[in-house]
Amino acid sequence: MEFFMIEGNLVEHPNMNDELMKEHKAYTKKAMDAGMILFSGLKKGMDGVVFVMKAKSRQQIEDYLAQEPFFQAGIQTYRVVSFDAHYKNPKAAEWF
């Protein structure tokens, strides 16, 4: 497995609506339930998101993001950073 930090940047915030938000949440939940997403959260400026994912390859992440409802609606772009997880905090659950 490979690890990725993804930064999402909202580019067309006025296009947001309730239906699109529901699609986004369902899409994200599906990936979280599958174990692909460790955590995600809004950036403090409410102008995007940061999340950590794992996948078999970068292509799997790119495919996931290409189908993401915000991306397909032209609302959000993504920056993907791959990394190796060398150190793991055994108390990570306490962070949340």
PDB file of N, CA and C in Angstrom:
ATOM      1  N   MET A   1       0.833  -1.190   0.000  1.00  0.00           N
ATOM      2  CA  MET A   1       0.000   0.000   0.000  1.00  0.00           C
ATOM      3  C   MET A   1       0.874   1.248   0.000  1.00  0.00           C
ATOM      4  N   GLU A   2       0.358   2.266  -0.633  1.00  0.00           N
ATOM      5  CA  GLU A   2       1.024   3.568  -0.656  1.00  0.00           C
ATOM      6  C   GLU A   2       0.150   4.568   0.092  1.00  0.00           C
ATOM      7  N   PHE A   3       0.787   5.631   0.600  1.00  0.00           N
ATOM      8  CA  PHE A   3       0.077   6.646   1.364  1.00  0.00           C
ATOM      9  C   PHE A   3       0.123   7.978   0.629  1.00  0.00           C
ATOM     10  N   PHE A   4      -0.964   8.761   0.801  1.00  0.00           N
ATOM     11  CA  PHE A   4      -1.106  10.023   0.080  1.00  0.00           C
ATOM     12  C   PHE A   4      -1.758  11.075   0.961  1.00  0.00           C
ATOM     13  N   MET A   5      -1.245  12.297   0.867  1.00  0.00           N
ATOM     14  CA  MET A   5      -1.884  13.449   1.467  1.00  0.00           C
ATOM     15  C   MET A   5      -2.494  14.219   0.305  1.00  0.00           C
ATOM     16  N   ILE A   6      -3.771  14.533   0.407  1.00  0.00           N
ATOM     17  CA  ILE A   6      -4.452  15.249  -0.665  1.00  0.00           C
ATOM     18  C   ILE A   6      -4.956  16.573  -0.120  1.00  0.00           C
ATOM     19  N   GLU A   7      -4.646  17.638  -0.854  1.00  0.00           N
ATOM     20  CA  GLU A   7      -5.185  18.958  -0.532  1.00  0.00           C
ATOM     21  C   GLU A   7      -6.173  19.323  -1.624  1.00  0.00           C
ATOM     22  N   GLY A   8      -7.404  19.560  -1.223  1.00  0.00           N
ATOM     23  CA  GLY A   8      -8.425  20.021  -2.156  1.00  0.00           C
ATOM     24  C   GLY A   8      -8.580  21.517  -2.033  1.00  0.00           C
ATOM     25  N   ASN A   9      -8.700  22.207  -3.162  1.00  0.00           N
ATOM     26  CA  ASN A   9      -8.880  23.658  -3.182  1.00  0.00           C
ATOM     27  C   ASN A   9     -10.152  23.994  -3.932  1.00  0.00           C
ATOM     28  N   LEU A  10     -11.084  24.665  -3.232  1.00  0.00           N
ATOM     29  CA  LEU A  10     -12.325  25.082  -3.873  1.00  0.00           C
ATOM     30  C   LEU A  10     -12.025  26.208  -4.848  1.00  0.00           C
ATOM     31  N   VAL A  11     -12.572  26.096  -6.049  1.00  0.00           N
ATOM     32  CA  VAL A  11     -12.326  27.112  -7.069  1.00  0.00           C
ATOM     33  C   VAL A  11     -13.607  27.793  -7.527  1.00  0.00           C
ATOM     34  N   GLU A  12     -14.744  27.180  -7.314  1.00  0.00           N
ATOM     35  CA  GLU A  12     -16.023  27.772  -7.721  1.00  0.00           C
ATOM     36  C   GLU A  12     -17.027  27.595  -6.595  1.00  0.00           C
ATOM     37  N   HIS A  13     -16.725  28.176  -5.460  1.00  0.00           N
ATOM     38  CA  HIS A  13     -17.537  27.988  -4.272  1.00  0.00           C
ATOM     39  C   HIS A  13     -19.026  28.305  -4.478  1.00  0.00           C
ATOM     40  N   PRO A  14     -19.417  29.309  -5.260  1.00  0.00           N
ATOM     41  CA  PRO A  14     -20.844  29.609  -5.435  1.00  0.00           C
ATOM     42  C   PRO A  14     -21.651  28.475  -6.090  1.00  0.00           C
ATOM     43  N   ASN A  15     -20.985  27.527  -6.736  1.00  0.00           N
ATOM     44  CA  ASN A  15     -21.697  26.416  -7.369  1.00  0.00           C
ATOM     45  C   ASN A  15     -22.124  25.338  -6.382  1.00  0.00           C
ATOM     46  N   MET A  16     -21.768  25.468  -5.125  1.00  0.00           N
ATOM     47  CA  MET A  16     -22.119  24.484  -4.118  1.00  0.00           C
ATOM     48  C   MET A  16     -23.632  24.497  -3.893  1.00  0.00           C
ATOM     49  N   ASN A  17     -24.214  23.291  -3.764  1.00  0.00           N
ATOM     50  CA  ASN A  17     -25.629  23.191  -3.409  1.00  0.00           C
ATOM     51  C   ASN A  17     -25.826  21.942  -2.554  1.00  0.00           C
ATOM     52  N   ASP A  18     -27.001  21.800  -1.966  1.00  0.00           N
ATOM     53  CA  ASP A  18     -27.274  20.691  -1.050  1.00  0.00           C
ATOM     54  C   ASP A  18     -27.149  19.331  -1.722  1.00  0.00           C
ATOM     55  N   GLU A  19     -27.633  19.201  -2.948  1.00  0.00           N
ATOM     56  CA  GLU A  19     -27.579  17.913  -3.643  1.00  0.00           C
ATOM     57  C   GLU A  19     -26.138  17.493  -3.906  1.00  0.00           C
ATOM     58  N   LEU A  20     -25.320  18.429  -4.342  1.00  0.00           N
ATOM     59  CA  LEU A  20     -23.913  18.129  -4.592  1.00  0.00           C
ATOM     60  C   LEU A  20     -23.194  17.760  -3.294  1.00  0.00           C
ATOM     61  N   MET A  21     -23.516  18.445  -2.212  1.00  0.00           N
ATOM     62  CA  MET A  21     -22.911  18.128  -0.915  1.00  0.00           C
ATOM     63  C   MET A  21     -23.291  16.712  -0.475  1.00  0.00           C
ATOM     64  N   LYS A  22     -24.526  16.310  -0.696  1.00  0.00           N
ATOM     65  CA  LYS A  22     -24.961  14.949  -0.362  1.00  0.00           C
ATOM     66  C   LYS A  22     -24.185  13.918  -1.181  1.00  0.00           C
ATOM     67  N   GLU A  23     -23.996  14.182  -2.466  1.00  0.00           N
ATOM     68  CA  GLU A  23     -23.234  13.272  -3.327  1.00  0.00           C
ATOM     69  C   GLU A  23     -21.786  13.165  -2.843  1.00  0.00           C
ATOM     70  N   HIS A  24     -21.199  14.304  -2.508  1.00  0.00           N
ATOM     71  CA  HIS A  24     -19.822  14.345  -2.011  1.00  0.00           C
ATOM     72  C   HIS A  24     -19.689  13.530  -0.723  1.00  0.00           C
ATOM     73  N   LYS A  25     -20.597  13.738   0.215  1.00  0.00           N
ATOM     74  CA  LYS A  25     -20.539  13.020   1.488  1.00  0.00           C
ATOM     75  C   LYS A  25     -20.700  11.516   1.288  1.00  0.00           C
ATOM     76  N   ALA A  26     -21.610  11.105   0.431  1.00  0.00           N
ATOM     77  CA  ALA A  26     -21.816   9.676   0.167  1.00  0.00           C
ATOM     78  C   ALA A  26     -20.580   9.068  -0.487  1.00  0.00           C
ATOM     79  N   TYR A  27     -19.981   9.794  -1.423  1.00  0.00           N
ATOM     80  CA  TYR A  27     -18.781   9.306  -2.114  1.00  0.00           C
ATOM     81  C   TYR A  27     -17.622   9.159  -1.125  1.00  0.00           C
ATOM     82  N   THR A  28     -17.463  10.149  -0.257  1.00  0.00           N
ATOM     83  CA  THR A  28     -16.407  10.115   0.744  1.00  0.00           C
ATOM     84  C   THR A  28     -16.639   8.990   1.747  1.00  0.00           C
ATOM     85  N   LYS A  29     -17.872   8.820   2.193  1.00  0.00           N
ATOM     86  CA  LYS A  29     -18.206   7.762   3.154  1.00  0.00           C
ATOM     87  C   LYS A  29     -17.895   6.383   2.575  1.00  0.00           C
ATOM     88  N   LYS A  30     -18.196   6.194   1.317  1.00  0.00           N
ATOM     89  CA  LYS A  30     -17.918   4.904   0.664  1.00  0.00           C
ATOM     90  C   LYS A  30     -16.414   4.597   0.719  1.00  0.00           C
ATOM     91  N   ALA A  31     -15.584   5.588   0.431  1.00  0.00           N
ATOM     92  CA  ALA A  31     -14.129   5.397   0.479  1.00  0.00           C
ATOM     93  C   ALA A  31     -13.653   5.207   1.915  1.00  0.00           C
ATOM     94  N   MET A  32     -14.271   5.916   2.857  1.00  0.00           N
ATOM     95  CA  MET A  32     -13.889   5.765   4.253  1.00  0.00           C
ATOM     96  C   MET A  32     -14.262   4.369   4.749  1.00  0.00           C
ATOM     97  N   ASP A  33     -15.453   3.916   4.405  1.00  0.00           N
ATOM     98  CA  ASP A  33     -15.891   2.569   4.806  1.00  0.00           C
ATOM     99  C   ASP A  33     -15.004   1.482   4.200  1.00  0.00           C
ATOM    100  N   ALA A  34     -14.462   1.742   3.017  1.00  0.00           N
ATOM    101  CA  ALA A  34     -13.567   0.785   2.354  1.00  0.00           C
ATOM    102  C   ALA A  34     -12.149   0.824   2.927  1.00  0.00           C
ATOM    103  N   GLY A  35     -11.885   1.761   3.837  1.00  0.00           N
ATOM    104  CA  GLY A  35     -10.574   1.861   4.457  1.00  0.00           C
ATOM    105  C   GLY A  35      -9.562   2.666   3.667  1.00  0.00           C
ATOM    106  N   MET A  36     -10.005   3.394   2.645  1.00  0.00           N
ATOM    107  CA  MET A  36      -9.076   4.199   1.835  1.00  0.00           C
ATOM    108  C   MET A  36      -8.706   5.516   2.503  1.00  0.00           C
ATOM    109  N   ILE A  37      -9.627   6.081   3.285  1.00  0.00           N
ATOM    110  CA  ILE A  37      -9.406   7.392   3.902  1.00  0.00           C
ATOM    111  C   ILE A  37      -9.184   7.218   5.397  1.00  0.00           C
ATOM    112  N   LEU A  38      -8.056   7.737   5.897  1.00  0.00           N
ATOM    113  CA  LEU A  38      -7.783   7.711   7.328  1.00  0.00           C
ATOM    114  C   LEU A  38      -8.552   8.826   8.026  1.00  0.00           C
ATOM    115  N   PHE A  39      -8.435  10.045   7.495  1.00  0.00           N
ATOM    116  CA  PHE A  39      -9.185  11.170   8.030  1.00  0.00           C
ATOM    117  C   PHE A  39      -9.281  12.253   6.974  1.00  0.00           C
ATOM    118  N   SER A  40     -10.244  13.150   7.167  1.00  0.00           N
ATOM    119  CA  SER A  40     -10.376  14.302   6.286  1.00  0.00           C
ATOM    120  C   SER A  40     -10.966  15.442   7.088  1.00  0.00           C
ATOM    121  N   GLY A  41     -10.743  16.653   6.611  1.00  0.00           N
ATOM    122  CA  GLY A  41     -11.302  17.814   7.293  1.00  0.00           C
ATOM    123  C   GLY A  41     -11.168  19.068   6.458  1.00  0.00           C
ATOM    124  N   LEU A  42     -12.061  20.010   6.737  1.00  0.00           N
ATOM    125  CA  LEU A  42     -12.028  21.299   6.056  1.00  0.00           C
ATOM    126  C   LEU A  42     -10.825  22.111   6.500  1.00  0.00           C
ATOM    127  N   LYS A  43     -10.242  22.834   5.575  1.00  0.00           N
ATOM    128  CA  LYS A  43      -9.181  23.773   5.935  1.00  0.00           C
ATOM    129  C   LYS A  43      -9.819  24.918   6.717  1.00  0.00           C
ATOM    130  N   LYS A  44      -9.077  25.529   7.593  1.00  0.00           N
ATOM    131  CA  LYS A  44      -9.598  26.593   8.460  1.00  0.00           C
ATOM    132  C   LYS A  44     -10.258  27.722   7.678  1.00  0.00           C
ATOM    133  N   GLY A  45      -9.772  28.026   6.492  1.00  0.00           N
ATOM    134  CA  GLY A  45     -10.354  29.096   5.693  1.00  0.00           C
ATOM    135  C   GLY A  45     -11.608  28.682   4.937  1.00  0.00           C
ATOM    136  N   MET A  46     -12.048  27.420   5.123  1.00  0.00           N
ATOM    137  CA  MET A  46     -13.233  26.883   4.456  1.00  0.00           C
ATOM    138  C   MET A  46     -13.083  26.933   2.929  1.00  0.00           C
ATOM    139  N   ASP A  47     -11.840  26.918   2.447  1.00  0.00           N
ATOM    140  CA  ASP A  47     -11.595  27.016   1.010  1.00  0.00           C
ATOM    141  C   ASP A  47     -11.102  25.698   0.421  1.00  0.00           C
ATOM    142  N   GLY A  48     -11.354  24.603   1.147  1.00  0.00           N
ATOM    143  CA  GLY A  48     -10.951  23.305   0.653  1.00  0.00           C
ATOM    144  C   GLY A  48     -10.827  22.307   1.785  1.00  0.00           C
ATOM    145  N   VAL A  49     -10.121  21.222   1.494  1.00  0.00           N
ATOM    146  CA  VAL A  49     -10.047  20.098   2.413  1.00  0.00           C
ATOM    147  C   VAL A  49      -8.643  19.506   2.396  1.00  0.00           C
ATOM    148  N   VAL A  50      -8.301  18.794   3.457  1.00  0.00           N
ATOM    149  CA  VAL A  50      -7.073  18.015   3.523  1.00  0.00           C
ATOM    150  C   VAL A  50      -7.468  16.626   3.987  1.00  0.00           C
ATOM    151  N   PHE A  51      -6.921  15.591   3.337  1.00  0.00           N
ATOM    152  CA  PHE A  51      -7.191  14.249   3.811  1.00  0.00           C
ATOM    153  C   PHE A  51      -6.020  13.337   3.511  1.00  0.00           C
ATOM    154  N   VAL A  52      -5.970  12.220   4.246  1.00  0.00           N
ATOM    155  CA  VAL A  52      -4.924  11.216   4.096  1.00  0.00           C
ATOM    156  C   VAL A  52      -5.584   9.928   3.632  1.00  0.00           C
ATOM    157  N   MET A  53      -5.003   9.350   2.573  1.00  0.00           N
ATOM    158  CA  MET A  53      -5.550   8.130   1.987  1.00  0.00           C
ATOM    159  C   MET A  53      -4.455   7.092   1.806  1.00  0.00           C
ATOM    160  N   LYS A  54      -4.889   5.844   1.655  1.00  0.00           N
ATOM    161  CA  LYS A  54      -3.976   4.783   1.252  1.00  0.00           C
ATOM    162  C   LYS A  54      -4.603   4.074   0.057  1.00  0.00           C
ATOM    163  N   ALA A  55      -3.747   3.568  -0.814  1.00  0.00           N
ATOM    164  CA  ALA A  55      -4.218   2.888  -2.018  1.00  0.00           C
ATOM    165  C   ALA A  55      -3.105   2.003  -2.552  1.00  0.00           C
ATOM    166  N   LYS A  56      -3.462   1.149  -3.491  1.00  0.00           N
ATOM    167  CA  LYS A  56      -2.479   0.269  -4.113  1.00  0.00           C
ATOM    168  C   LYS A  56      -1.512   1.041  -5.002  1.00  0.00           C
ATOM    169  N   SER A  57      -1.993   2.193  -5.540  1.00  0.00           N
ATOM    170  CA  SER A  57      -1.157   2.981  -6.444  1.00  0.00           C
ATOM    171  C   SER A  57      -1.657   4.418  -6.515  1.00  0.00           C
ATOM    172  N   ARG A  58      -0.808   5.284  -7.035  1.00  0.00           N
ATOM    173  CA  ARG A  58      -1.223   6.671  -7.257  1.00  0.00           C
ATOM    174  C   ARG A  58      -2.373   6.714  -8.268  1.00  0.00           C
ATOM    175  N   GLN A  59      -2.345   5.814  -9.239  1.00  0.00           N
ATOM    176  CA  GLN A  59      -3.412   5.772 -10.246  1.00  0.00           C
ATOM    177  C   GLN A  59      -4.771   5.524  -9.595  1.00  0.00           C
ATOM    178  N   GLN A  60      -4.801   4.680  -8.573  1.00  0.00           N
ATOM    179  CA  GLN A  60      -6.065   4.428  -7.866  1.00  0.00           C
ATOM    180  C   GLN A  60      -6.569   5.714  -7.212  1.00  0.00           C
ATOM    181  N   ILE A  61      -5.668   6.512  -6.664  1.00  0.00           N
ATOM    182  CA  ILE A  61      -6.046   7.802  -6.068  1.00  0.00           C
ATOM    183  C   ILE A  61      -6.534   8.751  -7.157  1.00  0.00           C
ATOM    184  N   GLU A  62      -5.800   8.822  -8.257  1.00  0.00           N
ATOM    185  CA  GLU A  62      -6.203   9.695  -9.364  1.00  0.00           C
ATOM    186  C   GLU A  62      -7.583   9.299  -9.902  1.00  0.00           C
ATOM    187  N   ASP A  63      -7.836   8.001 -10.014  1.00  0.00           N
ATOM    188  CA  ASP A  63      -9.147   7.530 -10.475  1.00  0.00           C
ATOM    189  C   ASP A  63     -10.237   7.915  -9.488  1.00  0.00           C
ATOM    190  N   TYR A  64      -9.952   7.764  -8.201  1.00  0.00           N
ATOM    191  CA  TYR A  64     -10.919   8.142  -7.168  1.00  0.00           C
ATOM    192  C   TYR A  64     -11.255   9.637  -7.265  1.00  0.00           C
ATOM    193  N   LEU A  65     -10.222  10.469  -7.348  1.00  0.00           N
ATOM    194  CA  LEU A  65     -10.433  11.917  -7.392  1.00  0.00           C
ATOM    195  C   LEU A  65     -11.144  12.351  -8.673  1.00  0.00           C
ATOM    196  N   ALA A  66     -10.893  11.668  -9.785  1.00  0.00           N
ATOM    197  CA  ALA A  66     -11.538  12.018 -11.056  1.00  0.00           C
ATOM    198  C   ALA A  66     -13.048  11.810 -10.998  1.00  0.00           C
ATOM    199  N   GLN A  67     -13.495  10.914 -10.128  1.00  0.00           N
ATOM    200  CA  GLN A  67     -14.931  10.634  -9.993  1.00  0.00           C
ATOM    201  C   GLN A  67     -15.573  11.403  -8.839  1.00  0.00           C
ATOM    202  N   GLU A  68     -14.769  12.140  -8.081  1.00  0.00           N
ATOM    203  CA  GLU A  68     -15.275  12.864  -6.920  1.00  0.00           C
ATOM    204  C   GLU A  68     -16.265  13.931  -7.389  1.00  0.00           C
ATOM    205  N   PRO A  69     -17.467  14.003  -6.785  1.00  0.00           N
ATOM    206  CA  PRO A  69     -18.496  14.946  -7.251  1.00  0.00           C
ATOM    207  C   PRO A  69     -18.063  16.408  -7.302  1.00  0.00           C
ATOM    208  N   PHE A  70     -17.284  16.878  -6.338  1.00  0.00           N
ATOM    209  CA  PHE A  70     -16.833  18.276  -6.377  1.00  0.00           C
ATOM    210  C   PHE A  70     -15.916  18.515  -7.573  1.00  0.00           C
ATOM    211  N   PHE A  71     -15.030  17.557  -7.853  1.00  0.00           N
ATOM    212  CA  PHE A  71     -14.136  17.683  -9.001  1.00  0.00           C
ATOM    213  C   PHE A  71     -14.940  17.679 -10.296  1.00  0.00           C
ATOM    214  N   GLN A  72     -15.871  16.742 -10.412  1.00  0.00           N
ATOM    215  CA  GLN A  72     -16.670  16.651 -11.640  1.00  0.00           C
ATOM    216  C   GLN A  72     -17.524  17.897 -11.868  1.00  0.00           C
ATOM    217  N   ALA A  73     -17.920  18.572 -10.793  1.00  0.00           N
ATOM    218  CA  ALA A  73     -18.710  19.799 -10.912  1.00  0.00           C
ATOM    219  C   ALA A  73     -17.836  21.024 -11.142  1.00  0.00           C
ATOM    220  N   GLY A  74     -16.508  20.841 -11.162  1.00  0.00           N
ATOM    221  CA  GLY A  74     -15.609  21.969 -11.388  1.00  0.00           C
ATOM    222  C   GLY A  74     -15.438  22.854 -10.177  1.00  0.00           C
ATOM    223  N   ILE A  75     -15.765  22.337  -9.008  1.00  0.00           N
ATOM    224  CA  ILE A  75     -15.705  23.128  -7.780  1.00  0.00           C
ATOM    225  C   ILE A  75     -14.357  22.999  -7.076  1.00  0.00           C
ATOM    226  N   GLN A  76     -13.709  21.840  -7.212  1.00  0.00           N
ATOM    227  CA  GLN A  76     -12.502  21.598  -6.440  1.00  0.00           C
ATOM    228  C   GLN A  76     -11.408  20.966  -7.303  1.00  0.00           C
ATOM    229  N   THR A  77     -10.179  21.413  -7.068  1.00  0.00           N
ATOM    230  CA  THR A  77      -9.005  20.796  -7.670  1.00  0.00           C
ATOM    231  C   THR A  77      -8.228  20.109  -6.550  1.00  0.00           C
ATOM    232  N   TYR A  78      -7.311  19.242  -6.926  1.00  0.00           N
ATOM    233  CA  TYR A  78      -6.569  18.475  -5.924  1.00  0.00           C
ATOM    234  C   TYR A  78      -5.082  18.523  -6.190  1.00  0.00           C
ATOM    235  N   ARG A  79      -4.342  18.505  -5.102  1.00  0.00           N
ATOM    236  CA  ARG A  79      -2.886  18.346  -5.139  1.00  0.00           C
ATOM    237  C   ARG A  79      -2.597  17.082  -4.348  1.00  0.00           C
ATOM    238  N   VAL A  80      -1.938  16.125  -4.975  1.00  0.00           N
ATOM    239  CA  VAL A  80      -1.665  14.824  -4.359  1.00  0.00           C
ATOM    240  C   VAL A  80      -0.184  14.725  -4.042  1.00  0.00           C
ATOM    241  N   VAL A  81       0.120  14.360  -2.804  1.00  0.00           N
ATOM    242  CA  VAL A  81       1.494  14.157  -2.365  1.00  0.00           C
ATOM    243  C   VAL A  81       1.603  12.729  -1.849  1.00  0.00           C
ATOM    244  N   SER A  82       2.476  11.935  -2.450  1.00  0.00           N
ATOM    245  CA  SER A  82       2.696  10.581  -1.947  1.00  0.00           C
ATOM    246  C   SER A  82       3.804  10.624  -0.902  1.00  0.00           C
ATOM    247  N   PHE A  83       3.698   9.738   0.092  1.00  0.00           N
ATOM    248  CA  PHE A  83       4.718   9.701   1.132  1.00  0.00           C
ATOM    249  C   PHE A  83       4.824   8.297   1.704  1.00  0.00           C
ATOM    250  N   ASP A  84       5.956   8.036   2.333  1.00  0.00           N
ATOM    251  CA  ASP A  84       6.183   6.783   3.043  1.00  0.00           C
ATOM    252  C   ASP A  84       5.930   7.032   4.522  1.00  0.00           C
ATOM    253  N   ALA A  85       5.122   6.200   5.136  1.00  0.00           N
ATOM    254  CA  ALA A  85       4.830   6.326   6.565  1.00  0.00           C
ATOM    255  C   ALA A  85       5.884   5.547   7.345  1.00  0.00           C
ATOM    256  N   HIS A  86       6.924   6.249   7.788  1.00  0.00           N
ATOM    257  CA  HIS A  86       8.018   5.607   8.520  1.00  0.00           C
ATOM    258  C   HIS A  86       7.714   5.479  10.005  1.00  0.00           C
ATOM    259  N   TYR A  87       7.081   6.482  10.555  1.00  0.00           N
ATOM    260  CA  TYR A  87       6.809   6.513  11.985  1.00  0.00           C
ATOM    261  C   TYR A  87       5.303   6.558  12.206  1.00  0.00           C
ATOM    262  N   LYS A  88       4.841   5.732  13.117  1.00  0.00           N
ATOM    263  CA  LYS A  88       3.408   5.666  13.418  1.00  0.00           C
ATOM    264  C   LYS A  88       3.225   5.816  14.910  1.00  0.00           C
ATOM    265  N   ASN A  89       2.390   6.729  15.301  1.00  0.00           N
ATOM    266  CA  ASN A  89       2.094   6.940  16.708  1.00  0.00           C
ATOM    267  C   ASN A  89       1.145   5.847  17.179  1.00  0.00           C
ATOM    268  N   PRO A  90       1.541   5.028  18.158  1.00  0.00           N
ATOM    269  CA  PRO A  90       0.656   3.968  18.621  1.00  0.00           C
ATOM    270  C   PRO A  90      -0.600   4.499  19.307  1.00  0.00           C
ATOM    271  N   LYS A  91      -0.618   5.776  19.632  1.00  0.00           N
ATOM    272  CA  LYS A  91      -1.781   6.382  20.296  1.00  0.00           C
ATOM    273  C   LYS A  91      -2.584   7.256  19.319  1.00  0.00           C
ATOM    274  N   ALA A  92      -2.506   6.956  18.037  1.00  0.00           N
ATOM    275  CA  ALA A  92      -3.181   7.789  17.030  1.00  0.00           C
ATOM    276  C   ALA A  92      -4.668   7.943  17.309  1.00  0.00           C
ATOM    277  N   ALA A  93      -5.335   6.920  17.796  1.00  0.00           N
ATOM    278  CA  ALA A  93      -6.773   7.003  18.072  1.00  0.00           C
ATOM    279  C   ALA A  93      -7.081   8.109  19.084  1.00  0.00           C
ATOM    280  N   GLU A  94      -6.162   8.395  19.981  1.00  0.00           N
ATOM    281  CA  GLU A  94      -6.366   9.458  20.981  1.00  0.00           C
ATOM    282  C   GLU A  94      -6.402  10.850  20.351  1.00  0.00           C
ATOM    283  N   TRP A  95      -5.849  11.003  19.181  1.00  0.00           N
ATOM    284  CA  TRP A  95      -5.853  12.297  18.501  1.00  0.00           C
ATOM    285  C   TRP A  95      -7.265  12.731  18.162  1.00  0.00           C
ATOM    286  N   PHE A  96      -8.135  11.757  17.906  1.00  0.00           N
ATOM    287  CA  PHE A  96      -9.476  12.055  17.439  1.00  0.00           C
ATOM    288  C   PHE A  96     -10.494  11.830  18.532  1.00  0.00           C
TER     289      PHE A  96
END
